[in-house]
Amino acid sequence: MASQRKAEEADSRERALEVRADARRRESLAALEQAEAYAALSRACARRARALKAVCLADQSVARLGGSENERTWAWHDGRRAGTHAELMDREASLHAAQARRAQAEAGRAEAEAQVSSRKARLASIEGPAHPARTGR
């Protein structure tokens, strides 16, 4: 009876390890998707920052060469706003790039944990039920 219980425990442990491995693989895939999304967001922010810098330069030209005083003043203020916004977009692009690297690292960690759980499950199925000499009981 005790050996049957140990065999059932070993089967349960093996199943639990396989379920854990599968869950970690799904976590890894989700983290990779997250990394891709952060990378895309970083690229979009960087493109927007470049566009805002172009607006800033164009506004500086209008401020120097514009017709009326009102037009030059408006362009100067709009250029400052665009320049400030470009700086913020650069920072945001950098932040999202860091988040993408972190998510990529988390995906690697989750995949490594999945492999460990899967190996443990395979070893459990090869070893069979625990023997008293192996477990120290």
Protein backbone atom coordinates (compact mmCIF):
# COMPACT_ATOMS: atom_id res chain seq x y z
CA MET A 1 0.00 0.00 0.00
CA ALA A 2 2.83 2.40 0.87
CA SER A 3 4.59 1.67 -2.43
CA GLN A 4 1.37 2.40 -4.35
CA ARG A 5 1.03 5.74 -2.52
CA LYS A 6 4.64 6.63 -3.34
CA ALA A 7 4.06 5.76 -7.00
CA GLU A 8 0.97 7.99 -7.07
CA GLU A 9 2.93 10.80 -5.42
CA ALA A 10 5.69 10.42 -8.02
CA ASP A 11 3.12 10.54 -10.85
CA SER A 12 1.49 13.60 -9.27
CA ARG A 13 4.88 15.30 -8.91
CA GLU A 14 5.75 14.51 -12.52
CA ARG A 15 2.42 15.97 -13.71
CA ALA A 16 2.89 19.04 -11.54
CA LEU A 17 6.38 19.59 -12.94
CA GLU A 18 5.10 19.29 -16.52
CA VAL A 19 2.25 21.71 -15.80
CA ARG A 20 4.78 24.12 -14.29
CA ALA A 21 7.06 23.75 -17.33
CA ASP A 22 4.15 24.50 -19.66
CA ALA A 23 3.13 27.53 -17.60
CA ARG A 24 6.70 28.87 -17.65
CA ARG A 25 6.87 28.41 -21.43
CA ARG A 26 3.65 30.41 -21.78
CA GLU A 27 5.14 33.07 -19.49
CA SER A 28 8.24 33.15 -21.68
CA LEU A 29 6.21 33.62 -24.86
CA ALA A 30 4.15 36.38 -23.26
CA ALA A 31 7.33 38.13 -22.08
CA LEU A 32 8.73 37.94 -25.63
CA GLU A 33 5.52 39.51 -26.96
CA GLN A 34 5.83 42.19 -24.31
CA ALA A 35 9.45 42.82 -25.31
CA GLU A 36 8.41 43.19 -28.95
CA ALA A 37 5.67 45.64 -27.99
CA TYR A 38 8.04 47.73 -25.87
CA ALA A 39 10.61 47.73 -28.68
CA ALA A 40 7.97 48.90 -31.17
CA LEU A 41 6.87 51.61 -28.74
CA SER A 42 10.49 52.69 -28.30
CA ARG A 43 10.96 52.95 -32.08
CA ALA A 44 7.72 54.94 -32.42
CA CYS A 45 8.78 57.35 -29.69
CA ALA A 46 12.19 57.80 -31.32
CA ARG A 47 10.52 58.56 -34.69
CA ARG A 48 8.21 61.05 -33.02
CA ALA A 49 11.16 62.70 -31.28
CA ARG A 50 12.91 63.10 -34.65
CA ALA A 51 9.75 64.59 -36.16
CA LEU A 52 9.38 67.00 -33.25
CA LYS A 53 13.02 68.07 -33.67
CA ALA A 54 12.28 68.82 -37.32
CA VAL A 55 9.26 70.90 -36.23
CA CYS A 56 11.48 72.74 -33.76
CA LEU A 57 14.04 73.55 -36.48
CA ALA A 58 11.32 74.65 -38.89
CA ASP A 59 9.76 76.86 -36.23
CA GLN A 60 13.17 78.41 -35.50
CA SER A 61 13.45 79.31 -39.18
CA VAL A 62 9.96 80.81 -39.21
CA ALA A 63 10.76 82.72 -36.01
CA ARG A 64 13.83 84.24 -37.70
CA LEU A 65 12.34 84.75 -41.15
CA GLY A 66 8.59 85.02 -40.51
CA GLY A 67 6.47 87.88 -41.73
CA SER A 68 4.62 89.48 -38.86
CA GLU A 69 5.74 89.82 -35.27
CA ASN A 70 2.76 87.65 -34.26
CA GLU A 71 3.87 84.88 -36.64
CA ARG A 72 7.47 85.01 -35.40
CA THR A 73 6.39 84.94 -31.74
CA TRP A 74 4.01 82.05 -32.32
CA ALA A 75 6.72 80.08 -34.17
CA TRP A 76 9.25 80.74 -31.41
CA HIS A 77 6.85 79.45 -28.72
CA ASP A 78 5.74 76.48 -30.83
CA GLY A 79 9.39 75.61 -31.49
CA ARG A 80 10.17 75.64 -27.77
CA ARG A 81 7.18 73.39 -27.08
CA ALA A 82 8.23 71.00 -29.86
CA GLY A 83 11.81 70.93 -28.54
CA THR A 84 10.66 70.15 -25.01
CA HIS A 85 8.31 67.47 -26.31
CA ALA A 86 11.14 65.96 -28.41
CA GLU A 87 13.29 65.65 -25.28
CA LEU A 88 10.45 63.90 -23.47
CA MET A 89 9.94 61.52 -26.41
CA ASP A 90 13.67 60.71 -26.41
CA ARG A 91 13.45 59.84 -22.70
CA GLU A 92 10.33 57.77 -23.28
CA ALA A 93 12.01 55.90 -26.14
CA SER A 94 14.93 55.12 -23.85
CA LEU A 95 12.60 53.94 -21.08
CA HIS A 96 10.70 51.63 -23.44
CA ALA A 97 13.95 50.23 -24.80
CA ALA A 98 14.99 49.38 -21.23
CA GLN A 99 11.60 47.77 -20.60
CA ALA A 100 12.04 45.69 -23.77
CA ARG A 101 15.45 44.47 -22.57
CA ARG A 102 13.99 43.60 -19.15
CA ALA A 103 11.10 41.67 -20.70
CA GLN A 104 13.56 39.83 -22.95
CA ALA A 105 15.61 38.84 -19.91
CA GLU A 106 12.48 37.70 -18.08
CA ALA A 107 11.54 35.57 -21.09
CA GLY A 108 14.93 33.89 -20.94
CA ARG A 109 14.58 33.25 -17.23
CA ALA A 110 11.10 31.77 -17.65
CA GLU A 111 12.29 29.50 -20.47
CA ALA A 112 15.22 28.32 -18.36
CA GLU A 113 12.85 27.52 -15.48
CA ALA A 114 10.58 25.65 -17.90
CA GLN A 115 13.51 23.54 -19.06
CA VAL A 116 14.50 22.74 -15.47
CA SER A 117 10.95 21.67 -14.58
CA SER A 118 10.70 19.58 -17.73
CA ARG A 119 14.00 17.84 -16.98
CA LYS A 120 12.91 17.14 -13.42
CA ALA A 121 9.67 15.64 -14.72
CA ARG A 122 11.57 13.40 -17.17
CA LEU A 123 13.94 12.30 -14.42
CA ALA A 124 11.01 11.54 -12.14
CA SER A 125 9.46 9.33 -14.82
CA ILE A 126 12.78 7.51 -15.40
CA GLU A 127 13.52 7.02 -11.72
CA GLY A 128 10.03 5.82 -10.93
CA PRO A 129 8.67 5.92 -7.39
CA ALA A 130 10.96 7.21 -4.71
CA HIS A 131 12.94 4.56 -2.87
CA PRO A 132 13.48 4.89 0.89
CA ALA A 133 17.27 4.77 0.39
CA ARG A 134 17.13 7.73 -2.05
CA THR A 135 14.86 9.92 0.02
CA GLY A 136 16.49 9.23 3.34
CA ARG A 137 13.29 7.69 4.81
